[in-house]
């Protein structure tokens, strides 16, 4: 029994190494330019193991870009502030791979659309404003634009944003499209 458990643990560790290597490769090169051989090389395994564990490069990509869709139990202002903190930092390999590939790979396009639609629905549900869907979509896509401009295009004006600028300018900007209601009003005035 211990031998079986040892093999299962080794198999799981190998699968994790392959997935981590795939995330790094997809983040650096996108779906189309990444090869199974490059993933295997980075993971330190034979290319056949990549396919044995994940079936295909496309299936591995779908797992590698999974961002999850849980909506936290917090008010909108706090959530948007946390999202900005995450998005202003260097993106995770999953985000880098997805953004790098979303305009050229149908799988990435579908995954990004599903993720943004989910974020938009959840944000819109926090208010009864008649324009909630549009306001939420503007907020979600604006944050995506910030990620692209800061981390992929590396716009000079966004490169060295200070903590004070994040508090004074970026956070109020991100929440500006959403109406302030008792459920999502910030604790302090945002002017």
N, C-alpha and C. Protein backbone atom coordinates (compact mmCIF):
# COMPACT_ATOMS: atom_id res chain seq x y z
N UNK A 1 0.82 -1.19 0.00
CA UNK A 1 0.00 0.00 0.00
C UNK A 1 0.86 1.26 0.00
N UNK A 2 1.98 1.25 0.77
CA UNK A 2 2.86 2.42 0.83
C UNK A 2 3.46 2.70 -0.54
N UNK A 3 3.76 1.64 -1.31
CA UNK A 3 4.32 1.82 -2.65
C UNK A 3 3.31 2.53 -3.56
N UNK A 4 2.02 2.13 -3.45
CA UNK A 4 0.96 2.75 -4.25
C UNK A 4 0.81 4.23 -3.88
N UNK A 5 0.83 4.52 -2.56
CA UNK A 5 0.73 5.90 -2.09
C UNK A 5 1.93 6.71 -2.56
N UNK A 6 3.12 6.12 -2.53
CA UNK A 6 4.32 6.80 -2.99
C UNK A 6 4.25 7.12 -4.48
N UNK A 7 3.75 6.19 -5.26
CA UNK A 7 3.60 6.43 -6.71
C UNK A 7 2.58 7.52 -6.98
N UNK A 8 1.48 7.50 -6.24
CA UNK A 8 0.44 8.51 -6.42
C UNK A 8 0.97 9.90 -6.08
N UNK A 9 1.75 9.98 -5.02
CA UNK A 9 2.33 11.27 -4.63
C UNK A 9 3.32 11.76 -5.67
N UNK A 10 4.14 10.84 -6.21
CA UNK A 10 5.09 11.21 -7.27
C UNK A 10 4.34 11.69 -8.51
N UNK A 11 3.29 10.97 -8.87
CA UNK A 11 2.49 11.35 -10.05
C UNK A 11 1.88 12.73 -9.85
N UNK A 12 1.35 12.98 -8.67
CA UNK A 12 0.75 14.28 -8.37
C UNK A 12 1.80 15.40 -8.41
N UNK A 13 2.98 15.13 -7.87
CA UNK A 13 4.06 16.13 -7.89
C UNK A 13 4.50 16.43 -9.33
N UNK A 14 4.57 15.39 -10.15
CA UNK A 14 4.94 15.59 -11.55
C UNK A 14 3.88 16.40 -12.27
N UNK A 15 2.61 16.09 -12.03
CA UNK A 15 1.52 16.84 -12.66
C UNK A 15 1.58 18.31 -12.24
N UNK A 16 1.86 18.58 -10.98
CA UNK A 16 1.95 19.96 -10.47
C UNK A 16 3.12 20.68 -11.14
N UNK A 17 4.28 20.01 -11.26
CA UNK A 17 5.45 20.61 -11.92
C UNK A 17 5.12 20.96 -13.37
N UNK A 18 4.43 20.06 -14.05
CA UNK A 18 4.05 20.31 -15.45
C UNK A 18 3.11 21.50 -15.53
N UNK A 19 2.10 21.55 -14.66
CA UNK A 19 1.15 22.66 -14.69
C UNK A 19 1.85 23.98 -14.38
N UNK A 20 2.74 24.00 -13.40
CA UNK A 20 3.49 25.22 -13.08
C UNK A 20 4.35 25.66 -14.25
N UNK A 21 5.01 24.69 -14.90
CA UNK A 21 5.84 25.00 -16.07
C UNK A 21 4.98 25.53 -17.21
N UNK A 22 3.81 24.93 -17.40
CA UNK A 22 2.90 25.39 -18.46
C UNK A 22 2.45 26.81 -18.19
N UNK A 23 2.10 27.12 -16.95
CA UNK A 23 1.69 28.50 -16.62
C UNK A 23 2.79 29.49 -16.96
N UNK A 24 4.02 29.14 -16.62
CA UNK A 24 5.14 30.03 -16.91
C UNK A 24 5.35 30.18 -18.42
N UNK A 25 5.31 29.09 -19.15
CA UNK A 25 5.50 29.15 -20.61
C UNK A 25 4.38 29.93 -21.29
N UNK A 26 3.12 29.64 -20.92
CA UNK A 26 1.99 30.36 -21.51
C UNK A 26 2.06 31.84 -21.15
N UNK A 27 2.49 32.16 -19.94
CA UNK A 27 2.61 33.56 -19.52
C UNK A 27 3.65 34.29 -20.35
N UNK A 28 4.75 33.63 -20.66
CA UNK A 28 5.82 34.26 -21.43
C UNK A 28 5.55 34.30 -22.92
N UNK A 29 4.90 33.25 -23.45
CA UNK A 29 4.82 33.11 -24.90
C UNK A 29 3.40 33.05 -25.46
N UNK A 30 2.39 32.89 -24.62
CA UNK A 30 1.02 32.72 -25.11
C UNK A 30 0.79 31.30 -25.57
N UNK A 31 -0.46 31.00 -25.91
CA UNK A 31 -0.83 29.64 -26.30
C UNK A 31 -0.15 29.20 -27.58
N UNK A 32 -0.23 30.03 -28.61
CA UNK A 32 0.25 29.60 -29.91
C UNK A 32 1.75 29.36 -29.96
N UNK A 33 2.53 30.19 -29.28
CA UNK A 33 3.99 30.06 -29.36
C UNK A 33 4.56 29.05 -28.36
N UNK A 34 3.77 28.59 -27.43
CA UNK A 34 4.23 27.61 -26.44
C UNK A 34 4.15 26.21 -27.04
N UNK A 35 5.18 25.41 -26.80
CA UNK A 35 5.19 24.03 -27.28
C UNK A 35 5.17 23.06 -26.10
N UNK A 36 4.71 21.86 -26.36
CA UNK A 36 4.72 20.81 -25.35
C UNK A 36 6.16 20.52 -24.94
N UNK A 37 7.07 20.55 -25.91
CA UNK A 37 8.49 20.31 -25.60
C UNK A 37 9.04 21.37 -24.64
N UNK A 38 8.67 22.63 -24.84
CA UNK A 38 9.14 23.70 -23.95
C UNK A 38 8.59 23.52 -22.54
N UNK A 39 7.34 23.14 -22.45
CA UNK A 39 6.74 22.88 -21.13
C UNK A 39 7.47 21.73 -20.45
N UNK A 40 7.69 20.66 -21.19
CA UNK A 40 8.38 19.49 -20.64
C UNK A 40 9.79 19.86 -20.19
N UNK A 41 10.50 20.60 -21.01
CA UNK A 41 11.87 21.02 -20.67
C UNK A 41 11.88 21.82 -19.37
N UNK A 42 10.95 22.77 -19.25
CA UNK A 42 10.88 23.60 -18.04
C UNK A 42 10.52 22.75 -16.83
N UNK A 43 9.66 21.75 -17.01
CA UNK A 43 9.24 20.88 -15.90
C UNK A 43 10.26 19.79 -15.59
N UNK A 44 11.21 19.58 -16.51
CA UNK A 44 12.21 18.54 -16.32
C UNK A 44 11.65 17.14 -16.53
N UNK A 45 10.73 17.02 -17.49
CA UNK A 45 10.13 15.71 -17.79
C UNK A 45 10.17 15.46 -19.29
N UNK A 46 9.87 14.24 -19.66
CA UNK A 46 9.77 13.88 -21.07
C UNK A 46 8.46 14.47 -21.61
N UNK A 47 8.46 14.95 -22.87
CA UNK A 47 7.23 15.51 -23.45
C UNK A 47 6.03 14.56 -23.41
N UNK A 48 6.28 13.27 -23.49
CA UNK A 48 5.17 12.32 -23.46
C UNK A 48 4.42 12.38 -22.12
N UNK A 49 5.12 12.74 -21.03
CA UNK A 49 4.45 12.86 -19.73
C UNK A 49 3.48 14.02 -19.70
N UNK A 50 3.79 15.09 -20.42
CA UNK A 50 2.88 16.24 -20.49
C UNK A 50 1.54 15.77 -21.06
N UNK A 51 1.61 15.05 -22.16
CA UNK A 51 0.40 14.57 -22.82
C UNK A 51 -0.28 13.48 -22.00
N UNK A 52 0.51 12.64 -21.34
CA UNK A 52 -0.06 11.58 -20.51
C UNK A 52 -0.88 12.18 -19.37
N UNK A 53 -0.37 13.25 -18.76
CA UNK A 53 -1.06 13.86 -17.62
C UNK A 53 -2.23 14.73 -18.05
N UNK A 54 -2.09 15.45 -19.18
CA UNK A 54 -3.08 16.47 -19.52
C UNK A 54 -3.78 16.27 -20.85
N UNK A 55 -3.37 15.30 -21.65
CA UNK A 55 -4.08 14.99 -22.89
C UNK A 55 -3.68 15.80 -24.10
N UNK A 56 -3.60 17.11 -23.96
CA UNK A 56 -3.21 17.97 -25.08
C UNK A 56 -2.76 19.32 -24.56
N UNK A 57 -2.13 20.08 -25.41
CA UNK A 57 -1.69 21.42 -25.03
C UNK A 57 -2.91 22.30 -24.73
N UNK A 58 -3.96 22.16 -25.51
CA UNK A 58 -5.16 22.97 -25.30
C UNK A 58 -5.83 22.67 -23.95
N UNK A 59 -5.90 21.39 -23.58
CA UNK A 59 -6.48 21.04 -22.28
C UNK A 59 -5.62 21.57 -21.14
N UNK A 60 -4.31 21.50 -21.30
CA UNK A 60 -3.40 22.02 -20.30
C UNK A 60 -3.54 23.54 -20.19
N UNK A 61 -3.69 24.21 -21.32
CA UNK A 61 -3.89 25.66 -21.33
C UNK A 61 -5.16 26.02 -20.56
N UNK A 62 -6.25 25.30 -20.80
CA UNK A 62 -7.51 25.58 -20.10
C UNK A 62 -7.34 25.49 -18.58
N UNK A 63 -6.57 24.51 -18.12
CA UNK A 63 -6.31 24.39 -16.68
C UNK A 63 -5.36 25.49 -16.20
N UNK A 64 -4.38 25.81 -17.01
CA UNK A 64 -3.36 26.79 -16.62
C UNK A 64 -3.93 28.20 -16.47
N UNK A 65 -4.96 28.52 -17.21
CA UNK A 65 -5.51 29.88 -17.15
C UNK A 65 -6.70 30.01 -16.22
N UNK A 66 -7.09 28.94 -15.55
CA UNK A 66 -8.26 28.98 -14.68
C UNK A 66 -8.04 30.01 -13.57
N UNK A 67 -8.87 31.03 -13.56
CA UNK A 67 -8.75 32.10 -12.57
C UNK A 67 -9.71 31.95 -11.41
N UNK A 68 -10.67 31.06 -11.54
CA UNK A 68 -11.69 30.93 -10.50
C UNK A 68 -12.71 32.05 -10.62
N UNK A 69 -13.89 31.85 -10.05
CA UNK A 69 -14.94 32.85 -10.19
C UNK A 69 -15.66 33.13 -8.88
N UNK A 70 -15.04 32.83 -7.77
CA UNK A 70 -15.70 33.09 -6.49
C UNK A 70 -15.81 34.59 -6.25
N UNK A 71 -16.95 35.02 -5.77
CA UNK A 71 -17.15 36.41 -5.40
C UNK A 71 -17.00 36.49 -3.89
N UNK A 72 -16.11 37.33 -3.40
CA UNK A 72 -15.86 37.38 -1.96
C UNK A 72 -17.02 37.98 -1.18
N UNK A 73 -17.05 37.69 0.09
CA UNK A 73 -18.08 38.23 0.96
C UNK A 73 -17.57 39.54 1.56
N UNK A 74 -17.60 40.61 0.74
CA UNK A 74 -17.16 41.92 1.20
C UNK A 74 -17.90 42.97 0.39
N UNK A 75 -17.89 44.21 0.86
CA UNK A 75 -18.61 45.23 0.10
C UNK A 75 -17.85 45.60 -1.17
N UNK A 76 -18.52 46.27 -2.06
CA UNK A 76 -17.97 46.56 -3.39
C UNK A 76 -16.71 47.41 -3.31
N UNK A 77 -16.74 48.45 -2.50
CA UNK A 77 -15.56 49.33 -2.40
C UNK A 77 -14.34 48.55 -1.92
N UNK A 78 -14.52 47.72 -0.91
CA UNK A 78 -13.40 46.92 -0.39
C UNK A 78 -12.93 45.92 -1.44
N UNK A 79 -13.88 45.31 -2.14
CA UNK A 79 -13.51 44.34 -3.18
C UNK A 79 -12.74 45.02 -4.31
N UNK A 80 -13.22 46.16 -4.80
CA UNK A 80 -12.53 46.86 -5.88
C UNK A 80 -11.13 47.31 -5.44
N UNK A 81 -11.01 47.73 -4.19
CA UNK A 81 -9.69 48.12 -3.68
C UNK A 81 -8.75 46.92 -3.69
N UNK A 82 -9.26 45.76 -3.27
CA UNK A 82 -8.43 44.55 -3.26
C UNK A 82 -8.07 44.11 -4.67
N UNK A 83 -9.02 44.19 -5.59
CA UNK A 83 -8.76 43.85 -6.98
C UNK A 83 -7.67 44.75 -7.55
N UNK A 84 -7.77 46.04 -7.28
CA UNK A 84 -6.74 46.96 -7.77
C UNK A 84 -5.37 46.63 -7.19
N UNK A 85 -5.32 46.31 -5.92
CA UNK A 85 -4.04 45.94 -5.32
C UNK A 85 -3.43 44.75 -6.06
N UNK A 86 -4.24 43.76 -6.34
CA UNK A 86 -3.76 42.57 -7.05
C UNK A 86 -3.36 42.92 -8.48
N UNK A 87 -4.19 43.67 -9.17
CA UNK A 87 -3.95 43.96 -10.59
C UNK A 87 -2.81 44.96 -10.80
N UNK A 88 -2.51 45.79 -9.82
CA UNK A 88 -1.37 46.70 -9.94
C UNK A 88 -0.05 45.97 -9.74
N UNK A 89 -0.08 44.87 -8.98
CA UNK A 89 1.12 44.05 -8.82
C UNK A 89 1.34 43.25 -10.09
N UNK A 90 2.50 42.63 -10.19
CA UNK A 90 2.81 41.79 -11.35
C UNK A 90 1.76 40.68 -11.45
N UNK A 91 1.17 40.51 -12.62
CA UNK A 91 0.12 39.49 -12.77
C UNK A 91 0.64 38.07 -12.55
N UNK A 92 -0.26 37.21 -12.09
CA UNK A 92 0.08 35.80 -11.93
C UNK A 92 0.32 35.18 -13.29
N UNK A 93 0.98 34.04 -13.33
CA UNK A 93 1.16 33.36 -14.63
C UNK A 93 -0.16 33.08 -15.34
N UNK A 94 -1.22 32.76 -14.58
CA UNK A 94 -2.51 32.50 -15.21
C UNK A 94 -3.02 33.74 -15.92
N UNK A 95 -2.96 34.89 -15.25
CA UNK A 95 -3.43 36.13 -15.85
C UNK A 95 -2.57 36.50 -17.05
N UNK A 96 -1.26 36.39 -16.91
CA UNK A 96 -0.36 36.73 -18.03
C UNK A 96 -0.67 35.86 -19.25
N UNK A 97 -0.84 34.56 -19.03
CA UNK A 97 -1.12 33.64 -20.14
C UNK A 97 -2.46 33.98 -20.80
N UNK A 98 -3.45 34.23 -19.98
CA UNK A 98 -4.78 34.52 -20.52
C UNK A 98 -4.79 35.83 -21.29
N UNK A 99 -4.22 36.88 -20.73
CA UNK A 99 -4.22 38.17 -21.41
C UNK A 99 -3.37 38.11 -22.67
N UNK A 100 -2.22 37.47 -22.59
CA UNK A 100 -1.34 37.37 -23.76
C UNK A 100 -2.02 36.62 -24.91
N UNK A 101 -2.89 35.69 -24.60
CA UNK A 101 -3.50 34.83 -25.62
C UNK A 101 -4.94 35.17 -25.97
N UNK A 102 -5.59 36.07 -25.23
CA UNK A 102 -7.03 36.24 -25.37
C UNK A 102 -7.48 36.76 -26.72
N UNK A 103 -6.64 37.41 -27.46
CA UNK A 103 -7.05 37.93 -28.76
C UNK A 103 -6.67 37.02 -29.92
N UNK A 104 -5.90 35.98 -29.65
CA UNK A 104 -5.46 35.10 -30.74
C UNK A 104 -5.88 33.65 -30.58
N UNK A 105 -6.24 33.26 -29.39
CA UNK A 105 -6.61 31.85 -29.15
C UNK A 105 -8.07 31.78 -28.70
N UNK A 106 -8.92 31.09 -29.46
CA UNK A 106 -10.34 31.01 -29.09
C UNK A 106 -10.58 30.50 -27.67
N UNK A 107 -9.73 29.57 -27.20
CA UNK A 107 -9.89 29.06 -25.84
C UNK A 107 -9.69 30.17 -24.81
N UNK A 108 -8.69 31.00 -25.05
CA UNK A 108 -8.42 32.11 -24.14
C UNK A 108 -9.51 33.17 -24.24
N UNK A 109 -9.98 33.42 -25.44
CA UNK A 109 -11.07 34.38 -25.63
C UNK A 109 -12.29 33.94 -24.84
N UNK A 110 -12.66 32.68 -24.97
CA UNK A 110 -13.83 32.15 -24.25
C UNK A 110 -13.63 32.21 -22.74
N UNK A 111 -12.44 31.84 -22.29
CA UNK A 111 -12.17 31.86 -20.85
C UNK A 111 -12.23 33.29 -20.30
N UNK A 112 -11.63 34.24 -21.02
CA UNK A 112 -11.63 35.63 -20.55
C UNK A 112 -13.05 36.19 -20.58
N UNK A 113 -13.80 35.91 -21.63
CA UNK A 113 -15.19 36.39 -21.71
C UNK A 113 -16.01 35.83 -20.55
N UNK A 114 -15.89 34.55 -20.28
CA UNK A 114 -16.63 33.94 -19.19
C UNK A 114 -16.25 34.57 -17.85
N UNK A 115 -14.97 34.78 -17.64
CA UNK A 115 -14.51 35.37 -16.38
C UNK A 115 -15.03 36.80 -16.24
N UNK A 116 -14.92 37.62 -17.30
CA UNK A 116 -15.37 39.00 -17.23
C UNK A 116 -16.89 39.10 -17.12
N UNK A 117 -17.62 38.22 -17.83
CA UNK A 117 -19.09 38.20 -17.69
C UNK A 117 -19.48 37.87 -16.26
N UNK A 118 -18.79 36.92 -15.65
CA UNK A 118 -19.07 36.55 -14.27
C UNK A 118 -18.79 37.72 -13.33
N UNK A 119 -17.63 38.34 -13.49
CA UNK A 119 -17.29 39.50 -12.65
C UNK A 119 -18.31 40.61 -12.83
N UNK A 120 -18.73 40.85 -14.07
CA UNK A 120 -19.70 41.90 -14.35
C UNK A 120 -21.04 41.60 -13.69
N UNK A 121 -21.53 40.37 -13.84
CA UNK A 121 -22.81 39.98 -13.21
C UNK A 121 -22.74 40.15 -11.69
N UNK A 122 -21.66 39.69 -11.10
CA UNK A 122 -21.53 39.78 -9.64
C UNK A 122 -21.47 41.22 -9.16
N UNK A 123 -20.74 42.06 -9.87
CA UNK A 123 -20.64 43.47 -9.49
C UNK A 123 -21.98 44.17 -9.71
N UNK A 124 -22.66 43.89 -10.81
CA UNK A 124 -23.96 44.51 -11.08
C UNK A 124 -24.99 44.12 -10.03
N UNK A 125 -24.87 42.94 -9.49
CA UNK A 125 -25.83 42.45 -8.49
C UNK A 125 -25.72 43.19 -7.16
N UNK A 126 -24.70 44.01 -7.00
CA UNK A 126 -24.52 44.73 -5.74
C UNK A 126 -25.34 46.01 -5.66
N UNK A 127 -26.04 46.35 -6.73
CA UNK A 127 -26.83 47.57 -6.73
C UNK A 127 -28.13 47.35 -7.50
N UNK A 128 -29.12 48.16 -7.21
CA UNK A 128 -30.37 48.07 -7.97
C UNK A 128 -30.47 49.18 -9.00
N UNK A 129 -29.37 49.83 -9.29
CA UNK A 129 -29.33 50.88 -10.31
C UNK A 129 -29.79 50.30 -11.66
N UNK A 130 -30.63 51.01 -12.41
CA UNK A 130 -31.10 50.47 -13.70
C UNK A 130 -29.98 50.28 -14.73
N UNK A 131 -28.88 50.96 -14.56
CA UNK A 131 -27.73 50.81 -15.48
C UNK A 131 -26.62 49.96 -14.87
N UNK A 132 -26.97 49.11 -13.91
CA UNK A 132 -25.96 48.34 -13.17
C UNK A 132 -25.09 47.49 -14.09
N UNK A 133 -25.69 46.82 -15.08
CA UNK A 133 -24.91 45.96 -15.98
C UNK A 133 -23.86 46.77 -16.73
N UNK A 134 -24.26 47.89 -17.29
CA UNK A 134 -23.32 48.72 -18.04
C UNK A 134 -22.25 49.29 -17.11
N UNK A 135 -22.65 49.78 -15.96
CA UNK A 135 -21.68 50.34 -15.01
C UNK A 135 -20.67 49.28 -14.57
N UNK A 136 -21.16 48.10 -14.30
CA UNK A 136 -20.27 47.02 -13.87
C UNK A 136 -19.32 46.62 -15.00
N UNK A 137 -19.84 46.54 -16.22
CA UNK A 137 -18.99 46.18 -17.37
C UNK A 137 -17.92 47.24 -17.59
N UNK A 138 -18.26 48.50 -17.44
CA UNK A 138 -17.26 49.56 -17.59
C UNK A 138 -16.17 49.45 -16.52
N UNK A 139 -16.57 49.14 -15.30
CA UNK A 139 -15.60 49.00 -14.22
C UNK A 139 -14.67 47.81 -14.47
N UNK A 140 -15.25 46.67 -14.79
CA UNK A 140 -14.47 45.44 -15.00
C UNK A 140 -13.51 45.60 -16.19
N UNK A 141 -14.01 46.14 -17.29
CA UNK A 141 -13.15 46.27 -18.47
C UNK A 141 -12.11 47.37 -18.30
N UNK A 142 -12.41 48.37 -17.50
CA UNK A 142 -11.41 49.40 -17.22
C UNK A 142 -10.23 48.83 -16.44
N UNK A 143 -10.54 47.95 -15.49
CA UNK A 143 -9.47 47.31 -14.73
C UNK A 143 -8.65 46.40 -15.65
N UNK A 144 -9.31 45.69 -16.56
CA UNK A 144 -8.57 44.89 -17.55
C UNK A 144 -7.65 45.80 -18.37
N UNK A 145 -8.15 46.94 -18.79
CA UNK A 145 -7.33 47.89 -19.55
C UNK A 145 -6.13 48.36 -18.75
N UNK A 146 -6.31 48.58 -17.46
CA UNK A 146 -5.21 48.96 -16.59
C UNK A 146 -4.15 47.86 -16.55
N UNK A 147 -4.58 46.62 -16.44
CA UNK A 147 -3.65 45.49 -16.43
C UNK A 147 -2.84 45.45 -17.73
N UNK A 148 -3.53 45.57 -18.86
CA UNK A 148 -2.85 45.52 -20.15
C UNK A 148 -1.87 46.68 -20.29
N UNK A 149 -2.31 47.89 -19.97
CA UNK A 149 -1.46 49.07 -20.13
C UNK A 149 -0.26 49.05 -19.18
N UNK A 150 -0.45 48.59 -17.97
CA UNK A 150 0.65 48.60 -16.98
C UNK A 150 1.62 47.45 -17.17
N UNK A 151 1.10 46.24 -17.41
CA UNK A 151 1.97 45.06 -17.38
C UNK A 151 2.38 44.52 -18.74
N UNK A 152 1.65 44.86 -19.78
CA UNK A 152 1.99 44.33 -21.10
C UNK A 152 2.53 45.43 -22.02
N UNK A 153 1.85 46.59 -22.04
CA UNK A 153 2.35 47.70 -22.84
C UNK A 153 3.39 48.51 -22.08
N UNK A 154 3.35 48.41 -20.75
CA UNK A 154 4.29 49.10 -19.86
C UNK A 154 4.31 50.61 -20.10
N UNK A 155 3.12 51.22 -20.07
CA UNK A 155 3.02 52.67 -20.23
C UNK A 155 3.80 53.37 -19.14
N UNK A 156 4.59 54.37 -19.52
CA UNK A 156 5.44 55.09 -18.58
C UNK A 156 4.66 55.65 -17.39
N UNK A 157 3.52 56.27 -17.65
CA UNK A 157 2.75 56.92 -16.58
C UNK A 157 2.21 55.93 -15.56
N UNK A 158 2.14 54.67 -15.92
CA UNK A 158 1.61 53.67 -14.99
C UNK A 158 2.70 52.83 -14.33
N UNK A 159 3.93 53.01 -14.74
CA UNK A 159 5.01 52.15 -14.27
C UNK A 159 5.30 52.30 -12.78
N UNK A 160 5.30 53.51 -12.28
CA UNK A 160 5.71 53.75 -10.90
C UNK A 160 4.63 54.45 -10.09
N UNK A 161 3.45 53.89 -10.09
CA UNK A 161 2.36 54.48 -9.33
C UNK A 161 2.67 54.31 -7.84
N UNK A 162 2.60 55.41 -7.10
CA UNK A 162 2.86 55.34 -5.66
C UNK A 162 1.61 54.89 -4.91
N UNK A 163 1.80 54.44 -3.68
CA UNK A 163 0.66 54.05 -2.84
C UNK A 163 -0.29 55.23 -2.65
N UNK A 164 0.28 56.42 -2.51
CA UNK A 164 -0.54 57.62 -2.33
C UNK A 164 -1.37 57.88 -3.57
N UNK A 165 -0.82 57.68 -4.76
CA UNK A 165 -1.57 57.86 -6.00
C UNK A 165 -2.67 56.80 -6.15
N UNK A 166 -2.38 55.59 -5.71
CA UNK A 166 -3.39 54.54 -5.76
C UNK A 166 -4.59 54.96 -4.91
N UNK A 167 -4.33 55.44 -3.69
CA UNK A 167 -5.41 55.86 -2.79
C UNK A 167 -6.16 57.08 -3.31
N UNK A 168 -5.43 58.06 -3.80
CA UNK A 168 -6.00 59.35 -4.18
C UNK A 168 -6.66 59.33 -5.56
N UNK A 169 -6.10 58.55 -6.51
CA UNK A 169 -6.57 58.62 -7.89
C UNK A 169 -7.14 57.30 -8.39
N UNK A 170 -6.38 56.21 -8.25
CA UNK A 170 -6.75 54.95 -8.89
C UNK A 170 -8.00 54.33 -8.27
N UNK A 171 -8.06 54.22 -6.95
CA UNK A 171 -9.23 53.60 -6.32
C UNK A 171 -10.51 54.38 -6.60
N UNK A 172 -10.52 55.70 -6.44
CA UNK A 172 -11.75 56.43 -6.79
C UNK A 172 -12.13 56.26 -8.26
N UNK A 173 -11.15 56.24 -9.14
CA UNK A 173 -11.41 56.03 -10.58
C UNK A 173 -12.08 54.69 -10.81
N UNK A 174 -11.57 53.63 -10.19
CA UNK A 174 -12.10 52.29 -10.42
C UNK A 174 -13.54 52.15 -9.96
N UNK A 175 -13.91 52.82 -8.91
CA UNK A 175 -15.26 52.70 -8.39
C UNK A 175 -16.21 53.77 -8.90
N UNK A 176 -15.72 54.69 -9.73
CA UNK A 176 -16.54 55.83 -10.15
C UNK A 176 -17.79 55.43 -10.93
N UNK A 177 -17.75 54.37 -11.68
CA UNK A 177 -18.91 53.99 -12.49
C UNK A 177 -20.03 53.37 -11.66
N UNK A 178 -19.69 52.84 -10.50
CA UNK A 178 -20.70 52.16 -9.67
C UNK A 178 -21.34 53.19 -8.74
N UNK A 179 -22.68 53.22 -8.71
CA UNK A 179 -23.35 54.17 -7.82
C UNK A 179 -23.14 53.79 -6.36
N UNK A 180 -23.05 54.79 -5.53
CA UNK A 180 -22.90 54.53 -4.10
C UNK A 180 -24.26 54.23 -3.51
N UNK A 181 -24.39 53.02 -2.99
CA UNK A 181 -25.61 52.62 -2.29
C UNK A 181 -25.18 52.16 -0.92
N UNK A 182 -26.09 51.97 -0.01
CA UNK A 182 -25.68 51.54 1.34
C UNK A 182 -24.80 50.28 1.31
N UNK A 183 -24.98 49.43 0.36
CA UNK A 183 -24.20 48.19 0.31
C UNK A 183 -22.81 48.34 -0.26
N UNK A 184 -22.54 49.44 -1.00
CA UNK A 184 -21.22 49.54 -1.60
C UNK A 184 -20.56 50.89 -1.39
N UNK A 185 -21.09 51.73 -0.55
CA UNK A 185 -20.49 53.04 -0.32
C UNK A 185 -19.18 52.88 0.42
N UNK A 186 -18.15 53.65 0.01
CA UNK A 186 -16.89 53.58 0.73
C UNK A 186 -17.04 54.14 2.13
N UNK A 187 -16.15 53.72 3.03
CA UNK A 187 -16.20 54.19 4.41
C UNK A 187 -15.91 55.68 4.51
N UNK A 188 -15.10 56.19 3.63
CA UNK A 188 -14.73 57.61 3.64
C UNK A 188 -15.07 58.21 2.30
N UNK A 189 -15.27 59.53 2.22
CA UNK A 189 -15.50 60.15 0.92
C UNK A 189 -14.34 59.89 -0.01
N UNK A 190 -14.63 59.69 -1.29
CA UNK A 190 -13.57 59.35 -2.23
C UNK A 190 -13.09 60.54 -3.04
N UNK A 191 -13.50 61.73 -2.71
CA UNK A 191 -13.05 62.89 -3.47
C UNK A 191 -11.63 63.15 -3.11
